[in-house]
């Protein structure tokens, strides 16, 4: 473990990866708070605890938060895998940092665009920009390991 932490690229990846995981937790908390505020619960036992079965329902604002969280899981989890492997291929620190920073900033913009219902195509553009470093890392990983396949 000490060897990985001394790897500057891996440490840079860990920094952005942890920030992204924390962002996912925050979106989950926002979703829960929105459920409480809107009294829209996914499970009957939760609705009973908060006023009755009439609150076992969907709400558009809660669903928006939930979709933002699901989208994070669909995109951040692959980034965590790709970034960890990419860090071990020996990339230049400046280039790796750019990959990680672009992904992080694009995912932050994507989350704000989703939660605040910003005008299209803001969210779509943020998604596309976040995919560029992921595709780049994936291709570099494949090139690095192709000789062993």
Protein backbone atom coordinates (compact mmCIF):
# COMPACT_ATOMS: atom_id res chain seq x y z
CA UNK A 1 0.00 0.00 0.00
CA UNK A 2 2.82 2.42 0.84
CA UNK A 3 4.25 1.89 -2.65
CA UNK A 4 0.92 2.88 -4.24
CA UNK A 5 0.57 6.00 -2.11
CA UNK A 6 4.10 7.06 -3.09
CA UNK A 7 3.00 6.77 -6.73
CA UNK A 8 2.11 10.40 -7.49
CA UNK A 9 -0.34 9.47 -10.26
CA UNK A 10 -2.14 6.97 -8.04
CA UNK A 11 -2.32 9.48 -5.19
CA UNK A 12 -3.73 12.08 -7.57
CA UNK A 13 -6.31 9.52 -8.74
CA UNK A 14 -7.22 8.68 -5.13
CA UNK A 15 -7.76 12.38 -4.39
CA UNK A 16 -10.27 12.83 -7.22
CA UNK A 17 -11.80 9.38 -6.68
CA UNK A 18 -12.54 10.11 -3.03
CA UNK A 19 -14.04 13.50 -3.94
CA UNK A 20 -16.33 11.74 -6.42
CA UNK A 21 -17.39 9.12 -3.88
CA UNK A 22 -18.14 11.90 -1.39
CA UNK A 23 -20.21 13.64 -4.09
CA UNK A 24 -22.18 10.42 -4.56
CA UNK A 25 -22.89 10.30 -0.82
CA UNK A 26 -24.05 13.92 -0.92
CA UNK A 27 -26.43 13.19 -3.81
CA UNK A 28 -27.79 10.21 -1.86
CA UNK A 29 -28.38 12.47 1.16
CA UNK A 30 -30.07 15.06 -1.05
CA UNK A 31 -32.33 12.32 -2.42
CA UNK A 32 -33.29 11.22 1.09
CA UNK A 33 -33.95 14.78 2.19
CA UNK A 34 -36.09 15.38 -0.91
CA UNK A 35 -38.11 12.25 -0.05
CA UNK A 36 -38.73 13.62 3.43
CA UNK A 37 -39.61 17.12 2.22
CA UNK A 38 -41.94 15.85 -0.53
CA UNK A 39 -43.28 12.95 1.57
CA UNK A 40 -42.67 10.53 -1.29
CA UNK A 41 -41.36 7.21 -0.04
CA UNK A 42 -40.26 4.19 -2.07
CA UNK A 43 -41.21 1.64 0.59
CA UNK A 44 -44.53 1.22 2.37
CA UNK A 45 -42.89 0.84 5.78
CA UNK A 46 -41.23 4.25 5.35
CA UNK A 47 -44.49 5.88 4.31
CA UNK A 48 -46.27 4.39 7.34
CA UNK A 49 -43.62 5.88 9.60
CA UNK A 50 -44.10 9.30 8.02
CA UNK A 51 -47.86 9.66 7.83
CA UNK A 52 -49.44 6.75 6.00
CA UNK A 53 -49.56 4.65 2.87
CA UNK A 54 -50.71 7.64 0.80
CA UNK A 55 -47.05 8.73 0.88
CA UNK A 56 -45.89 5.51 -0.74
CA UNK A 57 -45.61 7.25 -4.08
CA UNK A 58 -43.31 8.79 -6.64
CA UNK A 59 -42.50 12.48 -6.92
CA UNK A 60 -40.84 14.12 -9.96
CA UNK A 61 -38.28 15.99 -7.83
CA UNK A 62 -37.36 12.88 -5.87
CA UNK A 63 -37.07 10.90 -9.10
CA UNK A 64 -34.77 13.57 -10.56
CA UNK A 65 -32.44 13.24 -7.55
CA UNK A 66 -32.61 9.45 -7.73
CA UNK A 67 -31.75 9.47 -11.45
CA UNK A 68 -28.78 11.75 -10.76
CA UNK A 69 -27.55 9.24 -8.17
CA UNK A 70 -28.04 6.28 -10.51
CA UNK A 71 -26.22 8.14 -13.27
CA UNK A 72 -23.32 8.73 -10.88
CA UNK A 73 -23.10 5.02 -10.15
CA UNK A 74 -23.17 4.21 -13.87
CA UNK A 75 -20.32 6.60 -14.61
CA UNK A 76 -18.18 7.05 -11.51
CA UNK A 77 -17.75 3.34 -10.76
CA UNK A 78 -16.19 2.64 -14.20
CA UNK A 79 -13.98 5.73 -13.75
CA UNK A 80 -12.74 4.35 -10.43
CA UNK A 81 -11.76 1.08 -12.10
CA UNK A 82 -10.19 2.72 -15.15
CA UNK A 83 -8.37 5.36 -13.12
CA UNK A 84 -6.86 2.82 -10.75
CA UNK A 85 -5.55 0.61 -13.57
CA UNK A 86 -4.44 3.61 -15.65
CA UNK A 87 -2.46 4.90 -12.67
CA UNK A 88 -0.43 1.70 -12.71
CA UNK A 89 0.55 2.01 -16.39
CA UNK A 90 3.07 4.77 -15.66
CA UNK A 91 1.43 7.80 -17.27
CA UNK A 92 2.83 11.32 -17.04
CA UNK A 93 1.52 13.01 -13.86
CA UNK A 94 0.37 16.15 -15.68
CA UNK A 95 -1.56 14.17 -18.29
CA UNK A 96 -3.09 11.86 -15.68
CA UNK A 97 -4.08 14.83 -13.51
CA UNK A 98 -5.78 16.40 -16.53
CA UNK A 99 -7.74 13.17 -17.13
CA UNK A 100 -8.87 13.03 -13.50
CA UNK A 101 -9.65 16.75 -13.24
CA UNK A 102 -11.66 16.87 -16.47
CA UNK A 103 -13.73 13.88 -15.38
CA UNK A 104 -14.28 15.35 -11.90
CA UNK A 105 -15.30 18.79 -13.16
CA UNK A 106 -17.60 17.36 -15.85
CA UNK A 107 -19.32 15.09 -13.30
CA UNK A 108 -19.79 18.04 -10.94
CA UNK A 109 -21.37 20.05 -13.75
CA UNK A 110 -23.49 17.04 -14.72
CA UNK A 111 -24.80 16.73 -11.16
CA UNK A 112 -25.63 20.43 -10.90
CA UNK A 113 -27.31 20.31 -14.31
CA UNK A 114 -29.36 17.29 -13.24
CA UNK A 115 -30.39 18.51 -9.79
CA UNK A 116 -31.09 22.09 -10.86
CA UNK A 117 -32.72 21.10 -14.18
CA UNK A 118 -30.36 23.35 -16.14
CA UNK A 119 -31.20 24.05 -19.76
CA UNK A 120 -30.32 21.35 -22.29
CA UNK A 121 -27.78 20.41 -23.57
CA UNK A 122 -25.75 21.28 -20.44
CA UNK A 123 -26.12 17.85 -18.87
CA UNK A 124 -25.47 16.00 -22.14
CA UNK A 125 -22.34 18.03 -22.86
CA UNK A 126 -21.05 17.41 -19.34
CA UNK A 127 -21.63 13.67 -19.85
CA UNK A 128 -19.75 13.69 -23.16
CA UNK A 129 -16.83 15.66 -21.74
CA UNK A 130 -16.57 13.20 -18.82
CA UNK A 131 -16.43 10.27 -21.23
CA UNK A 132 -13.40 11.63 -23.09
CA UNK A 133 -10.86 10.95 -20.31
CA UNK A 134 -12.48 7.56 -19.63
CA UNK A 135 -12.15 6.48 -23.25
CA UNK A 136 -8.59 7.82 -23.33
CA UNK A 137 -7.64 5.88 -20.19
CA UNK A 138 -9.30 2.71 -21.47
CA UNK A 139 -7.40 2.89 -24.76
CA UNK A 140 -4.10 3.52 -22.98
CA UNK A 141 -4.73 0.59 -20.65
CA UNK A 142 -5.50 -1.69 -23.61
CA UNK A 143 -2.34 -0.59 -25.40
CA UNK A 144 -0.29 -1.24 -22.24
CA UNK A 145 -1.63 -4.78 -21.77
CA UNK A 146 -2.22 -5.83 -25.39
CA UNK A 147 1.08 -7.72 -25.53
CA UNK A 148 -0.11 -9.96 -22.69
CA UNK A 149 -3.49 -10.84 -24.20
